[in-house]
């Protein structure tokens, strides 16, 4: 794997913490192995203090300093690699390259609402990367997936206000949970639309400006999360939008993924399968 790509992953605080823990374990194991080798060779283990100091001073500390220093250069490196990945053809790209492109598009296209946490941002990026890897070079499949997600967001944002007033009541945590999941799906949809080689093909009579519609949805998530009184969504749903049955299926599988702790591989795979599998789409009506 590209060394630059590995270094760019240290931009994440979670990745740096995991790397620091792994380094501590490896250093401890290396010191223990050194002591065992000395004991097996008959040299004894009287130099145990020297062994520990050597591993700490010459292995652990320099690498730990390098890990901590990565928070200064890794973000810029990741942005640069992401810009390169966006310019490359998506077809056949390995998941690490797709993740870089998704990160770059997320930073340039998406403004998450204040109610959202880093978890929702991560779910949006993770879901988008999984869909892009699965879609591969099939841009028509990607556009259909983005259109279905757009339709699911449309139906969800239309119904979430009445749901919050009727069922959530004073349970603000339930309202926040639903709004965070909706915001993550809207953010992922923006990434999918921006990833299409022909982004204009996603515009249609129902959604002439999909990006603007999704921005309004993200703003509404913020408003509904901060206000006690429920303000209704004032944009009417598309006349020929996504069928309710499919929209509900996408919403349910996405919510399960959004609420499952990392890595949530099974929940993510279930959502991608529902989104991209032809068998999950309702059959077109037959002429009578």
C-alpha atoms as a PDB file:
ATOM      1  CA  UNK A   1       0.000   0.000   0.000  1.00  0.00           C
ATOM      2  CA  UNK A   2       1.156   3.523  -0.739  1.00  0.00           C
ATOM      3  CA  UNK A   3       3.138   4.961   2.179  1.00  0.00           C
ATOM      4  CA  UNK A   4       1.499   8.348   1.600  1.00  0.00           C
ATOM      5  CA  UNK A   5      -1.925   6.753   1.936  1.00  0.00           C
ATOM      6  CA  UNK A   6      -0.950   5.077   5.210  1.00  0.00           C
ATOM      7  CA  UNK A   7       0.423   8.348   6.544  1.00  0.00           C
ATOM      8  CA  UNK A   8      -2.709  10.240   5.497  1.00  0.00           C
ATOM      9  CA  UNK A   9      -4.862   7.948   7.636  1.00  0.00           C
ATOM     10  CA  UNK A  10      -3.157   9.402  10.708  1.00  0.00           C
ATOM     11  CA  UNK A  11      -5.201  12.557  10.139  1.00  0.00           C
ATOM     12  CA  UNK A  12      -7.920  10.865  12.203  1.00  0.00           C
ATOM     13  CA  UNK A  13      -7.534  11.127  15.984  1.00  0.00           C
ATOM     14  CA  UNK A  14      -9.040   7.644  16.351  1.00  0.00           C
ATOM     15  CA  UNK A  15      -6.476   6.218  13.932  1.00  0.00           C
ATOM     16  CA  UNK A  16      -3.625   7.868  15.847  1.00  0.00           C
ATOM     17  CA  UNK A  17      -4.898   6.462  19.132  1.00  0.00           C
ATOM     18  CA  UNK A  18      -5.183   2.989  17.620  1.00  0.00           C
ATOM     19  CA  UNK A  19      -1.671   3.278  16.149  1.00  0.00           C
ATOM     20  CA  UNK A  20      -0.293   4.389  19.515  1.00  0.00           C
ATOM     21  CA  UNK A  21      -1.886   1.393  21.256  1.00  0.00           C
ATOM     22  CA  UNK A  22      -0.552  -0.985  18.621  1.00  0.00           C
ATOM     23  CA  UNK A  23       2.923   0.551  18.920  1.00  0.00           C
ATOM     24  CA  UNK A  24       2.901   0.094  22.704  1.00  0.00           C
ATOM     25  CA  UNK A  25       1.900  -3.557  22.363  1.00  0.00           C
ATOM     26  CA  UNK A  26       4.510  -4.232  19.684  1.00  0.00           C
ATOM     27  CA  UNK A  27       7.230  -2.519  21.716  1.00  0.00           C
ATOM     28  CA  UNK A  28       6.318  -4.513  24.804  1.00  0.00           C
ATOM     29  CA  UNK A  29       6.261  -7.748  22.812  1.00  0.00           C
ATOM     30  CA  UNK A  30       9.609  -6.888  21.216  1.00  0.00           C
ATOM     31  CA  UNK A  31      11.219  -6.234  24.597  1.00  0.00           C
ATOM     32  CA  UNK A  32       9.836  -9.507  25.974  1.00  0.00           C
ATOM     33  CA  UNK A  33      11.074 -11.437  22.926  1.00  0.00           C
ATOM     34  CA  UNK A  34      14.521  -9.878  23.320  1.00  0.00           C
ATOM     35  CA  UNK A  35      14.671 -10.991  26.953  1.00  0.00           C
ATOM     36  CA  UNK A  36      13.616 -14.533  25.992  1.00  0.00           C
ATOM     37  CA  UNK A  37      16.310 -14.703  23.312  1.00  0.00           C
ATOM     38  CA  UNK A  38      18.939 -13.535  25.820  1.00  0.00           C
ATOM     39  CA  UNK A  39      17.784 -16.122  28.336  1.00  0.00           C
ATOM     40  CA  UNK A  40      17.829 -18.912  25.729  1.00  0.00           C
ATOM     41  CA  UNK A  41      21.356 -17.996  24.639  1.00  0.00           C
ATOM     42  CA  UNK A  42      22.643 -18.309  28.180  1.00  0.00           C
ATOM     43  CA  UNK A  43      23.379 -14.632  28.622  1.00  0.00           C
ATOM     44  CA  UNK A  44      20.820 -14.283  31.358  1.00  0.00           C
ATOM     45  CA  UNK A  45      18.307 -11.538  31.754  1.00  0.00           C
ATOM     46  CA  UNK A  46      20.359  -9.306  34.046  1.00  0.00           C
ATOM     47  CA  UNK A  47      20.267  -6.635  31.354  1.00  0.00           C
ATOM     48  CA  UNK A  48      16.481  -6.394  31.459  1.00  0.00           C
ATOM     49  CA  UNK A  49      16.597  -2.708  32.368  1.00  0.00           C
ATOM     50  CA  UNK A  50      18.879  -1.961  29.445  1.00  0.00           C
ATOM     51  CA  UNK A  51      16.565  -3.892  27.082  1.00  0.00           C
ATOM     52  CA  UNK A  52      13.500  -1.976  28.235  1.00  0.00           C
ATOM     53  CA  UNK A  53      15.295   1.359  27.932  1.00  0.00           C
ATOM     54  CA  UNK A  54      16.574   0.481  24.477  1.00  0.00           C
ATOM     55  CA  UNK A  55      13.099  -0.408  23.185  1.00  0.00           C
ATOM     56  CA  UNK A  56      11.563   2.631  24.833  1.00  0.00           C
ATOM     57  CA  UNK A  57      14.175   5.176  23.724  1.00  0.00           C
ATOM     58  CA  UNK A  58      15.035   3.884  20.265  1.00  0.00           C
ATOM     59  CA  UNK A  59      11.751   2.331  19.100  1.00  0.00           C
ATOM     60  CA  UNK A  60       8.679   3.435  21.028  1.00  0.00           C
ATOM     61  CA  UNK A  61       9.414   7.114  21.664  1.00  0.00           C
ATOM     62  CA  UNK A  62      10.598   8.059  18.141  1.00  0.00           C
ATOM     63  CA  UNK A  63       7.646   6.325  16.483  1.00  0.00           C
ATOM     64  CA  UNK A  64       5.193   7.751  19.033  1.00  0.00           C
ATOM     65  CA  UNK A  65       6.511  11.254  18.347  1.00  0.00           C
ATOM     66  CA  UNK A  66       6.070  10.617  14.617  1.00  0.00           C
ATOM     67  CA  UNK A  67       2.470   9.492  15.184  1.00  0.00           C
ATOM     68  CA  UNK A  68       1.635  12.605  17.204  1.00  0.00           C
ATOM     69  CA  UNK A  69       3.369  14.839  14.663  1.00  0.00           C
ATOM     70  CA  UNK A  70       1.129  13.379  11.962  1.00  0.00           C
ATOM     71  CA  UNK A  71      -1.758  15.540  13.147  1.00  0.00           C
ATOM     72  CA  UNK A  72       0.074  18.539  11.627  1.00  0.00           C
ATOM     73  CA  UNK A  73       0.894  17.121   8.176  1.00  0.00           C
ATOM     74  CA  UNK A  74      -1.534  14.214   7.664  1.00  0.00           C
ATOM     75  CA  UNK A  75      -4.701  16.337   7.080  1.00  0.00           C
ATOM     76  CA  UNK A  76      -3.043  18.348   4.299  1.00  0.00           C
ATOM     77  CA  UNK A  77      -1.618  15.154   2.798  1.00  0.00           C
ATOM     78  CA  UNK A  78      -5.043  13.502   2.855  1.00  0.00           C
ATOM     79  CA  UNK A  79      -6.657  16.501   1.180  1.00  0.00           C
ATOM     80  CA  UNK A  80      -4.022  16.465  -1.552  1.00  0.00           C
ATOM     81  CA  UNK A  81      -4.441  12.719  -2.140  1.00  0.00           C
ATOM     82  CA  UNK A  82      -8.211  13.168  -2.114  1.00  0.00           C
ATOM     83  CA  UNK A  83      -8.029  15.849  -4.792  1.00  0.00           C
ATOM     84  CA  UNK A  84      -5.908  13.519  -6.926  1.00  0.00           C
ATOM     85  CA  UNK A  85      -8.374  10.667  -6.398  1.00  0.00           C
ATOM     86  CA  UNK A  86     -11.326  12.834  -7.452  1.00  0.00           C
ATOM     87  CA  UNK A  87      -9.541  13.659 -10.709  1.00  0.00           C
ATOM     88  CA  UNK A  88      -8.839   9.987 -11.424  1.00  0.00           C
ATOM     89  CA  UNK A  89     -11.342   7.684 -13.089  1.00  0.00           C
ATOM     90  CA  UNK A  90     -13.456   5.951 -10.452  1.00  0.00           C
ATOM     91  CA  UNK A  91     -13.706   2.641 -12.287  1.00  0.00           C
ATOM     92  CA  UNK A  92     -11.574  -0.127 -10.834  1.00  0.00           C
ATOM     93  CA  UNK A  93     -10.329   2.050  -8.000  1.00  0.00           C
ATOM     94  CA  UNK A  94      -9.470   0.257  -4.777  1.00  0.00           C
ATOM     95  CA  UNK A  95     -11.460   1.154  -1.684  1.00  0.00           C
ATOM     96  CA  UNK A  96      -8.646   3.270  -0.118  1.00  0.00           C
ATOM     97  CA  UNK A  97      -8.579   5.503  -3.204  1.00  0.00           C
ATOM     98  CA  UNK A  98     -12.371   5.746  -3.226  1.00  0.00           C
ATOM     99  CA  UNK A  99     -12.336   6.712   0.456  1.00  0.00           C
ATOM    100  CA  UNK A 100      -9.906   9.534  -0.316  1.00  0.00           C
ATOM    101  CA  UNK A 101     -12.170  10.841  -3.075  1.00  0.00           C
ATOM    102  CA  UNK A 102     -15.194  10.594  -0.776  1.00  0.00           C
ATOM    103  CA  UNK A 103     -13.388  12.544   1.956  1.00  0.00           C
ATOM    104  CA  UNK A 104     -12.517  15.295  -0.513  1.00  0.00           C
ATOM    105  CA  UNK A 105     -16.090  15.495  -1.814  1.00  0.00           C
ATOM    106  CA  UNK A 106     -17.501  15.503   1.720  1.00  0.00           C
ATOM    107  CA  UNK A 107     -15.337  18.468   2.692  1.00  0.00           C
ATOM    108  CA  UNK A 108     -16.198  20.436  -0.452  1.00  0.00           C
ATOM    109  CA  UNK A 109     -19.900  19.574  -0.834  1.00  0.00           C
ATOM    110  CA  UNK A 110     -21.383  18.867   2.593  1.00  0.00           C
ATOM    111  CA  UNK A 111     -22.081  21.112   5.578  1.00  0.00           C
ATOM    112  CA  UNK A 112     -23.447  18.912   8.343  1.00  0.00           C
ATOM    113  CA  UNK A 113     -26.077  20.359  10.694  1.00  0.00           C
ATOM    114  CA  UNK A 114     -25.080  21.195  14.247  1.00  0.00           C
ATOM    115  CA  UNK A 115     -27.154  18.317  15.598  1.00  0.00           C
ATOM    116  CA  UNK A 116     -24.940  15.827  13.757  1.00  0.00           C
ATOM    117  CA  UNK A 117     -21.933  14.253  15.468  1.00  0.00           C
ATOM    118  CA  UNK A 118     -18.699  12.964  13.899  1.00  0.00           C
ATOM    119  CA  UNK A 119     -20.368   9.542  13.878  1.00  0.00           C
ATOM    120  CA  UNK A 120     -22.967  10.683  11.327  1.00  0.00           C
ATOM    121  CA  UNK A 121     -20.270  12.238   9.153  1.00  0.00           C
ATOM    122  CA  UNK A 122     -18.377   8.953   9.271  1.00  0.00           C
ATOM    123  CA  UNK A 123     -21.504   6.985   8.345  1.00  0.00           C
ATOM    124  CA  UNK A 124     -22.132   9.257   5.354  1.00  0.00           C
ATOM    125  CA  UNK A 125     -18.569   8.796   4.093  1.00  0.00           C
ATOM    126  CA  UNK A 126     -18.509   5.056   4.808  1.00  0.00           C
ATOM    127  CA  UNK A 127     -21.837   4.457   3.102  1.00  0.00           C
ATOM    128  CA  UNK A 128     -20.886   6.515   0.055  1.00  0.00           C
ATOM    129  CA  UNK A 129     -17.562   4.681  -0.313  1.00  0.00           C
ATOM    130  CA  UNK A 130     -19.296   1.302  -0.096  1.00  0.00           C
ATOM    131  CA  UNK A 131     -21.825   2.269  -2.773  1.00  0.00           C
ATOM    132  CA  UNK A 132     -19.126   3.660  -5.083  1.00  0.00           C
ATOM    133  CA  UNK A 133     -16.956   0.553  -4.747  1.00  0.00           C
ATOM    134  CA  UNK A 134     -19.948  -1.694  -5.439  1.00  0.00           C
ATOM    135  CA  UNK A 135     -21.143   0.411  -8.402  1.00  0.00           C
ATOM    136  CA  UNK A 136     -17.680   0.405  -9.980  1.00  0.00           C
ATOM    137  CA  UNK A 137     -17.742   1.694 -13.564  1.00  0.00           C
ATOM    138  CA  UNK A 138     -21.523   1.475 -13.908  1.00  0.00           C
ATOM    139  CA  UNK A 139     -22.383   5.171 -13.819  1.00  0.00           C
ATOM    140  CA  UNK A 140     -26.029   4.497 -14.690  1.00  0.00           C
ATOM    141  CA  UNK A 141     -26.290   2.307 -11.591  1.00  0.00           C
ATOM    142  CA  UNK A 142     -24.735   5.066  -9.507  1.00  0.00           C
ATOM    143  CA  UNK A 143     -27.226   7.624 -10.833  1.00  0.00           C
ATOM    144  CA  UNK A 144     -30.127   5.296 -10.043  1.00  0.00           C
ATOM    145  CA  UNK A 145     -28.790   4.773  -6.548  1.00  0.00           C
ATOM    146  CA  UNK A 146     -28.419   8.520  -6.011  1.00  0.00           C
ATOM    147  CA  UNK A 147     -31.951   9.093  -7.345  1.00  0.00           C
ATOM    148  CA  UNK A 148     -33.368   6.441  -5.005  1.00  0.00           C
ATOM    149  CA  UNK A 149     -31.551   7.962  -2.028  1.00  0.00           C
ATOM    150  CA  UNK A 150     -32.859  11.379  -3.047  1.00  0.00           C
ATOM    151  CA  UNK A 151     -36.400  10.031  -3.173  1.00  0.00           C
ATOM    152  CA  UNK A 152     -35.975   8.350   0.221  1.00  0.00           C
ATOM    153  CA  UNK A 153     -34.728  11.609   1.727  1.00  0.00           C
ATOM    154  CA  UNK A 154     -37.687  13.455   0.178  1.00  0.00           C
ATOM    155  CA  UNK A 155     -40.258  11.138   1.742  1.00  0.00           C
ATOM    156  CA  UNK A 156     -38.391  11.006   5.064  1.00  0.00           C
ATOM    157  CA  UNK A 157     -38.014  14.764   5.490  1.00  0.00           C
ATOM    158  CA  UNK A 158     -41.680  15.252   4.576  1.00  0.00           C
ATOM    159  CA  UNK A 159     -42.876  12.805   7.236  1.00  0.00           C
ATOM    160  CA  UNK A 160     -40.412  13.496  10.030  1.00  0.00           C
ATOM    161  CA  UNK A 161     -42.058  16.744  11.175  1.00  0.00           C
ATOM    162  CA  UNK A 162     -45.512  15.206  11.751  1.00  0.00           C
ATOM    163  CA  UNK A 163     -43.830  12.157  13.308  1.00  0.00           C
ATOM    164  CA  UNK A 164     -41.891  14.381  15.736  1.00  0.00           C
ATOM    165  CA  UNK A 165     -45.083  16.196  16.757  1.00  0.00           C
ATOM    166  CA  UNK A 166     -47.219  13.058  17.005  1.00  0.00           C
ATOM    167  CA  UNK A 167     -44.957  10.246  18.238  1.00  0.00           C
ATOM    168  CA  UNK A 168     -41.753  11.762  19.584  1.00  0.00           C
ATOM    169  CA  UNK A 169     -43.622  14.212  21.836  1.00  0.00           C
ATOM    170  CA  UNK A 170     -41.275  15.478  24.512  1.00  0.00           C
ATOM    171  CA  UNK A 171     -38.712  12.739  23.818  1.00  0.00           C
ATOM    172  CA  UNK A 172     -36.040  14.982  22.365  1.00  0.00           C
ATOM    173  CA  UNK A 173     -33.516  12.133  22.214  1.00  0.00           C
ATOM    174  CA  UNK A 174     -35.778  10.167  19.857  1.00  0.00           C
ATOM    175  CA  UNK A 175     -36.172  13.232  17.653  1.00  0.00           C
ATOM    176  CA  UNK A 176     -32.427  13.860  17.593  1.00  0.00           C
ATOM    177  CA  UNK A 177     -31.695  10.230  16.721  1.00  0.00           C
ATOM    178  CA  UNK A 178     -34.019  10.295  13.716  1.00  0.00           C
ATOM    179  CA  UNK A 179     -32.727  13.690  12.562  1.00  0.00           C
ATOM    180  CA  UNK A 180     -29.119  12.538  12.766  1.00  0.00           C
ATOM    181  CA  UNK A 181     -29.861   9.462  10.674  1.00  0.00           C
ATOM    182  CA  UNK A 182     -31.719  11.597   8.114  1.00  0.00           C
ATOM    183  CA  UNK A 183     -28.857  14.109   7.977  1.00  0.00           C
ATOM    184  CA  UNK A 184     -26.341  11.306   7.396  1.00  0.00           C
ATOM    185  CA  UNK A 185     -28.422   9.921   4.508  1.00  0.00           C
ATOM    186  CA  UNK A 186     -28.786  13.384   2.959  1.00  0.00           C
ATOM    187  CA  UNK A 187     -25.022  13.932   3.236  1.00  0.00           C
ATOM    188  CA  UNK A 188     -24.283  10.562   1.648  1.00  0.00           C
ATOM    189  CA  UNK A 189     -26.692  11.372  -1.179  1.00  0.00           C
ATOM    190  CA  UNK A 190     -24.849  14.647  -1.873  1.00  0.00           C
ATOM    191  CA  UNK A 191     -21.595  12.704  -2.153  1.00  0.00           C
ATOM    192  CA  UNK A 192     -23.131  10.178  -4.563  1.00  0.00           C
ATOM    193  CA  UNK A 193     -24.532  12.939  -6.768  1.00  0.00           C
ATOM    194  CA  UNK A 194     -21.186  14.776  -6.791  1.00  0.00           C
ATOM    195  CA  UNK A 195     -19.385  11.507  -7.623  1.00  0.00           C
ATOM    196  CA  UNK A 196     -21.316  10.947 -10.834  1.00  0.00           C
ATOM    197  CA  UNK A 197     -19.331  11.730 -13.968  1.00  0.00           C
ATOM    198  CA  UNK A 198     -22.449  13.459 -15.294  1.00  0.00           C
ATOM    199  CA  UNK A 199     -23.821  15.170 -12.190  1.00  0.00           C
ATOM    200  CA  UNK A 200     -26.359  17.040 -14.288  1.00  0.00           C
ATOM    201  CA  UNK A 201     -28.043  13.766 -15.177  1.00  0.00           C
ATOM    202  CA  UNK A 202     -29.293  13.569 -11.588  1.00  0.00           C
ATOM    203  CA  UNK A 203     -31.426  16.658 -12.114  1.00  0.00           C
ATOM    204  CA  UNK A 204     -34.967  16.063 -13.303  1.00  0.00           C
ATOM    205  CA  UNK A 205     -38.377  17.685 -13.207  1.00  0.00           C
ATOM    206  CA  UNK A 206     -38.930  16.542  -9.611  1.00  0.00           C
ATOM    207  CA  UNK A 207     -35.541  17.728  -8.353  1.00  0.00           C
ATOM    208  CA  UNK A 208     -34.164  20.386 -10.727  1.00  0.00           C
ATOM    209  CA  UNK A 209     -31.405  21.209  -8.227  1.00  0.00           C
ATOM    210  CA  UNK A 210     -30.742  18.126  -6.055  1.00  0.00           C
ATOM    211  CA  UNK A 211     -27.797  19.667  -4.181  1.00  0.00           C
ATOM    212  CA  UNK A 212     -29.837  22.691  -3.143  1.00  0.00           C
ATOM    213  CA  UNK A 213     -32.725  20.459  -2.067  1.00  0.00           C
ATOM    214  CA  UNK A 214     -30.397  18.375   0.109  1.00  0.00           C
ATOM    215  CA  UNK A 215     -28.852  21.515   1.641  1.00  0.00           C
ATOM    216  CA  UNK A 216     -32.375  22.645   2.581  1.00  0.00           C
ATOM    217  CA  UNK A 217     -32.975  19.238   4.124  1.00  0.00           C
ATOM    218  CA  UNK A 218     -29.805  19.517   6.227  1.00  0.00           C
ATOM    219  CA  UNK A 219     -30.849  23.002   7.360  1.00  0.00           C
ATOM    220  CA  UNK A 220     -34.282  21.671   8.310  1.00  0.00           C
ATOM    221  CA  UNK A 221     -32.649  18.963  10.440  1.00  0.00           C
ATOM    222  CA  UNK A 222     -30.865  21.728  12.332  1.00  0.00           C
ATOM    223  CA  UNK A 223     -34.042  23.784  12.783  1.00  0.00           C
ATOM    224  CA  UNK A 224     -36.167  20.872  13.928  1.00  0.00           C
ATOM    225  CA  UNK A 225     -33.541  19.735  16.422  1.00  0.00           C
ATOM    226  CA  UNK A 226     -33.198  23.148  18.077  1.00  0.00           C
ATOM    227  CA  UNK A 227     -36.856  24.218  18.215  1.00  0.00           C
ATOM    228  CA  UNK A 228     -39.392  23.004  20.744  1.00  0.00           C
ATOM    229  CA  UNK A 229     -42.322  23.541  18.396  1.00  0.00           C
ATOM    230  CA  UNK A 230     -42.288  21.433  15.261  1.00  0.00           C
ATOM    231  CA  UNK A 231     -42.060  23.460  12.055  1.00  0.00           C
ATOM    232  CA  UNK A 232     -43.496  21.594   9.053  1.00  0.00           C
ATOM    233  CA  UNK A 233     -41.355  20.943   5.976  1.00  0.00           C
ATOM    234  CA  UNK A 234     -42.550  23.490   3.424  1.00  0.00           C
ATOM    235  CA  UNK A 235     -41.334  21.827   0.201  1.00  0.00           C
ATOM    236  CA  UNK A 236     -44.024  19.515  -1.263  1.00  0.00           C
ATOM    237  CA  UNK A 237     -42.860  15.984  -2.129  1.00  0.00           C
ATOM    238  CA  UNK A 238     -42.194  15.093  -5.738  1.00  0.00           C
ATOM    239  CA  UNK A 239     -45.295  14.025  -7.638  1.00  0.00           C
ATOM    240  CA  UNK A 240     -43.539  11.024  -9.184  1.00  0.00           C
ATOM    241  CA  UNK A 241     -41.145  10.322  -6.379  1.00  0.00           C
ATOM    242  CA  UNK A 242     -39.863   7.053  -4.988  1.00  0.00           C
ATOM    243  CA  UNK A 243     -42.586   4.522  -4.077  1.00  0.00           C
ATOM    244  CA  UNK A 244     -43.346   4.559  -0.357  1.00  0.00           C
ATOM    245  CA  UNK A 245     -42.532   0.864   0.076  1.00  0.00           C
ATOM    246  CA  UNK A 246     -39.023   1.235  -1.315  1.00  0.00           C
ATOM    247  CA  UNK A 247     -38.429   4.516   0.511  1.00  0.00           C
ATOM    248  CA  UNK A 248     -39.385   2.844   3.805  1.00  0.00           C
ATOM    249  CA  UNK A 249     -37.056  -0.087   3.102  1.00  0.00           C
ATOM    250  CA  UNK A 250     -34.134   2.238   2.357  1.00  0.00           C
ATOM    251  CA  UNK A 251     -34.923   4.329   5.437  1.00  0.00           C
ATOM    252  CA  UNK A 252     -35.063   1.285   7.722  1.00  0.00           C
ATOM    253  CA  UNK A 253     -31.857  -0.317   6.472  1.00  0.00           C
ATOM    254  CA  UNK A 254     -30.027   3.014   6.563  1.00  0.00           C
ATOM    255  CA  UNK A 255     -31.236   3.724  10.125  1.00  0.00           C
ATOM    256  CA  UNK A 256     -29.988   0.306  11.231  1.00  0.00           C
ATOM    257  CA  UNK A 257     -26.571   1.092   9.735  1.00  0.00           C
ATOM    258  CA  UNK A 258     -26.484   4.624  11.184  1.00  0.00           C
ATOM    259  CA  UNK A 259     -27.254   3.368  14.697  1.00  0.00           C
ATOM    260  CA  UNK A 260     -24.853   0.403  14.662  1.00  0.00           C
ATOM    261  CA  UNK A 261     -21.423   0.984  16.110  1.00  0.00           C
ATOM    262  CA  UNK A 262     -18.352   0.677  13.922  1.00  0.00           C
ATOM    263  CA  UNK A 263     -17.503  -1.205  11.828  1.00  0.00           C
ATOM    264  CA  UNK A 264     -21.177  -2.230  11.207  1.00  0.00           C
ATOM    265  CA  UNK A 265     -20.152  -4.320   8.209  1.00  0.00           C
ATOM    266  CA  UNK A 266     -23.325  -6.411   8.081  1.00  0.00           C
ATOM    267  CA  UNK A 267     -25.635  -3.396   8.462  1.00  0.00           C
ATOM    268  CA  UNK A 268     -23.731  -1.504   5.764  1.00  0.00           C
ATOM    269  CA  UNK A 269     -23.809  -4.475   3.406  1.00  0.00           C
ATOM    270  CA  UNK A 270     -27.572  -4.838   3.958  1.00  0.00           C
ATOM    271  CA  UNK A 271     -28.176  -1.203   3.005  1.00  0.00           C
ATOM    272  CA  UNK A 272     -25.949  -1.365  -0.096  1.00  0.00           C
ATOM    273  CA  UNK A 273     -27.649  -4.590  -1.183  1.00  0.00           C
ATOM    274  CA  UNK A 274     -31.110  -3.028  -0.878  1.00  0.00           C
ATOM    275  CA  UNK A 275     -29.969   0.118  -2.690  1.00  0.00           C
ATOM    276  CA  UNK A 276     -28.177  -1.524  -5.616  1.00  0.00           C
ATOM    277  CA  UNK A 277     -29.828  -4.908  -6.021  1.00  0.00           C
ATOM    278  CA  UNK A 278     -32.372  -4.999  -8.887  1.00  0.00           C
ATOM    279  CA  UNK A 279     -34.433  -7.558  -6.963  1.00  0.00           C
ATOM    280  CA  UNK A 280     -35.105  -5.010  -4.208  1.00  0.00           C
ATOM    281  CA  UNK A 281     -36.815  -2.585  -6.603  1.00  0.00           C
ATOM    282  CA  UNK A 282     -40.563  -2.921  -6.994  1.00  0.00           C
ATOM    283  CA  UNK A 283     -41.675  -4.296 -10.336  1.00  0.00           C
ATOM    284  CA  UNK A 284     -43.010  -1.692 -12.764  1.00  0.00           C
ATOM    285  CA  UNK A 285     -46.783  -1.717 -13.177  1.00  0.00           C
ATOM    286  CA  UNK A 286     -48.056  -3.861 -15.996  1.00  0.00           C
ATOM    287  CA  UNK A 287     -50.363  -2.481 -18.652  1.00  0.00           C
ATOM    288  CA  UNK A 288     -53.933  -3.602 -18.206  1.00  0.00           C
END
